[in-house]
C-alpha atoms as a PDB file:
ATOM      1  CA  MET A   1      94.635 101.526 125.614  1.00  0.00           C
ATOM      2  CA  PRO A   2      96.025  97.982 125.813  1.00  0.00           C
ATOM      3  CA  LYS A   3      98.995  97.162 123.638  1.00  0.00           C
ATOM      4  CA  ARG A   4      98.455  94.446 121.041  1.00  0.00           C
ATOM      5  CA  THR A   5     100.996  91.744 120.526  1.00  0.00           C
ATOM      6  CA  ILE A   6     101.276  89.545 117.479  1.00  0.00           C
ATOM      7  CA  ASN A   7     101.389  85.864 118.200  1.00  0.00           C
ATOM      8  CA  VAL A   8     103.473  84.236 115.430  1.00  0.00           C
ATOM      9  CA  ALA A   9     102.030  80.787 116.048  1.00  0.00           C
ATOM     10  CA  SER A  10      98.449  81.977 115.664  1.00  0.00           C
ATOM     11  CA  PHE A  11      99.415  83.888 112.504  1.00  0.00           C
ATOM     12  CA  LYS A  12     100.926  80.719 111.012  1.00  0.00           C
ATOM     13  CA  THR A  13      97.766  78.825 111.945  1.00  0.00           C
ATOM     14  CA  TYR A  14      95.662  81.514 110.279  1.00  0.00           C
ATOM     15  CA  LEU A  15      97.714  81.282 107.068  1.00  0.00           C
ATOM     16  CA  SER A  16      97.593  77.494 107.084  1.00  0.00           C
ATOM     17  CA  GLU A  17      93.836  77.355 107.613  1.00  0.00           C
ATOM     18  CA  SER A  18      93.235  80.048 104.994  1.00  0.00           C
ATOM     19  CA  TYR A  19      95.289  78.138 102.442  1.00  0.00           C
ATOM     20  CA  ASN A  20      93.483  74.894 103.302  1.00  0.00           C
ATOM     21  CA  GLU A  21      90.091  76.538 102.880  1.00  0.00           C
ATOM     22  CA  LEU A  22      91.002  78.173  99.561  1.00  0.00           C
ATOM     23  CA  VAL A  23      92.424  74.968  98.096  1.00  0.00           C
ATOM     24  CA  HIS A  24      90.007  72.337  99.442  1.00  0.00           C
ATOM     25  CA  LYS A  25      86.717  73.991 100.452  1.00  0.00           C
ATOM     26  CA  VAL A  26      86.125  76.793  97.945  1.00  0.00           C
ATOM     27  CA  SER A  27      84.333  75.826  94.758  1.00  0.00           C
ATOM     28  CA  TRP A  28      86.103  77.695  91.974  1.00  0.00           C
ATOM     29  CA  PRO A  29      84.269  78.342  88.695  1.00  0.00           C
ATOM     30  CA  THR A  30      85.246  76.412  85.596  1.00  0.00           C
ATOM     31  CA  TRP A  31      86.871  78.211  82.678  1.00  0.00           C
ATOM     32  CA  LYS A  32      83.568  78.105  80.763  1.00  0.00           C
ATOM     33  CA  GLU A  33      81.631  79.611  83.705  1.00  0.00           C
ATOM     34  CA  LEU A  34      84.279  82.298  84.096  1.00  0.00           C
ATOM     35  CA  GLN A  35      84.046  83.221  80.424  1.00  0.00           C
ATOM     36  CA  SER A  36      80.252  83.435  80.501  1.00  0.00           C
ATOM     37  CA  SER A  37      80.360  85.613  83.632  1.00  0.00           C
ATOM     38  CA  ALA A  38      82.902  87.900  81.982  1.00  0.00           C
ATOM     39  CA  ILE A  39      80.638  88.251  78.948  1.00  0.00           C
ATOM     40  CA  VAL A  40      77.684  89.146  81.181  1.00  0.00           C
ATOM     41  CA  VAL A  41      79.776  91.823  82.916  1.00  0.00           C
ATOM     42  CA  LEU A  42      80.986  93.185  79.564  1.00  0.00           C
ATOM     43  CA  VAL A  43      77.456  93.416  78.157  1.00  0.00           C
ATOM     44  CA  ALA A  44      76.170  95.088  81.327  1.00  0.00           C
ATOM     45  CA  ALA A  45      79.026  97.627  81.226  1.00  0.00           C
ATOM     46  CA  LEU A  46      78.283  98.398  77.581  1.00  0.00           C
ATOM     47  CA  ILE A  47      74.573  98.895  78.311  1.00  0.00           C
ATOM     48  CA  VAL A  48      75.295 101.224  81.241  1.00  0.00           C
ATOM     49  CA  SER A  49      77.822 103.223  79.218  1.00  0.00           C
ATOM     50  CA  PHE A  50      75.321 103.532  76.347  1.00  0.00           C
ATOM     51  CA  ILE A  51      72.642 104.803  78.757  1.00  0.00           C
ATOM     52  CA  ILE A  52      75.090 107.370  80.157  1.00  0.00           C
ATOM     53  CA  PHE A  53      76.017 108.417  76.609  1.00  0.00           C
ATOM     54  CA  LEU A  54      72.330 108.884  75.744  1.00  0.00           C
ATOM     55  CA  MET A  55      71.754 110.973  78.860  1.00  0.00           C
ATOM     56  CA  ASP A  56      74.766 113.132  77.981  1.00  0.00           C
ATOM     57  CA  TYR A  57      73.609 113.411  74.368  1.00  0.00           C
ATOM     58  CA  ILE A  58      70.075 114.420  75.337  1.00  0.00           C
ATOM     59  CA  PHE A  59      70.875 116.818  78.170  1.00  0.00           C
ATOM     60  CA  GLY A  60      74.340 117.981  77.097  1.00  0.00           C
ATOM     61  CA  VAL A  61      76.912 119.773  79.178  1.00  0.00           C
ATOM     62  CA  GLN A  62      75.235 122.983  80.328  1.00  0.00           C
ATOM     63  CA  ASN A  63      77.796 124.108  82.927  1.00  0.00           C
ATOM     64  CA  MET A  64      80.751 124.611  80.571  1.00  0.00           C
ATOM     65  CA  GLY A  65      79.873 128.191  79.544  1.00  0.00           C
ATOM     66  CA  ASP A  66      79.283 129.656  76.107  1.00  0.00           C
ATOM     67  CA  SER A  67      82.692 128.589  74.768  1.00  0.00           C
ATOM     68  CA  ASN A  68      81.566 124.957  74.752  1.00  0.00           C
ATOM     69  CA  PRO A  69      80.110 124.058  71.327  1.00  0.00           C
ATOM     70  CA  TRP A  70      78.423 120.865  72.572  1.00  0.00           C
ATOM     71  CA  LYS A  71      75.097 121.554  74.241  1.00  0.00           C
ATOM     72  CA  GLY A  72      73.430 118.208  73.648  1.00  0.00           C
ATOM     73  CA  LEU A  73      70.197 117.480  71.837  1.00  0.00           C
ATOM     74  CA  LEU A  74      68.172 119.806  74.067  1.00  0.00           C
ATOM     75  CA  GLY A  75      70.649 122.625  73.391  1.00  0.00           C
ATOM     76  CA  PHE A  76      70.220 121.979  69.676  1.00  0.00           C
ATOM     77  CA  ILE A  77      66.423 122.170  70.040  1.00  0.00           C
ATOM     78  CA  TYR A  78      66.592 125.295  72.224  1.00  0.00           C
ATOM     79  CA  LYS A  79      68.683 127.039  69.575  1.00  0.00           C
ATOM     80  CA  PHE A  80      65.838 126.691  67.056  1.00  0.00           C
ATOM     81  CA  ILE A  81      63.103 127.588  69.565  1.00  0.00           C
ATOM     82  CA  ALA A  82      64.743 130.771  70.905  1.00  0.00           C
END
């Protein structure tokens, strides 16, 4: 396996070009765009967490044994059926 050597000059060039690209070529979002994107992410996270809560509420935790009082909505229904 060939041994790799680090060329300091090429590393400095890499850092310089990376900085130049980040400062001059990248289009950064405005503060308003950033806020609206953050709100979209927050709303999406809340919707997903609500869906997961509903799934947990409907199906319950069935693998916790009999000592677990929470069985979900289906466990509540099964208690009245059985």
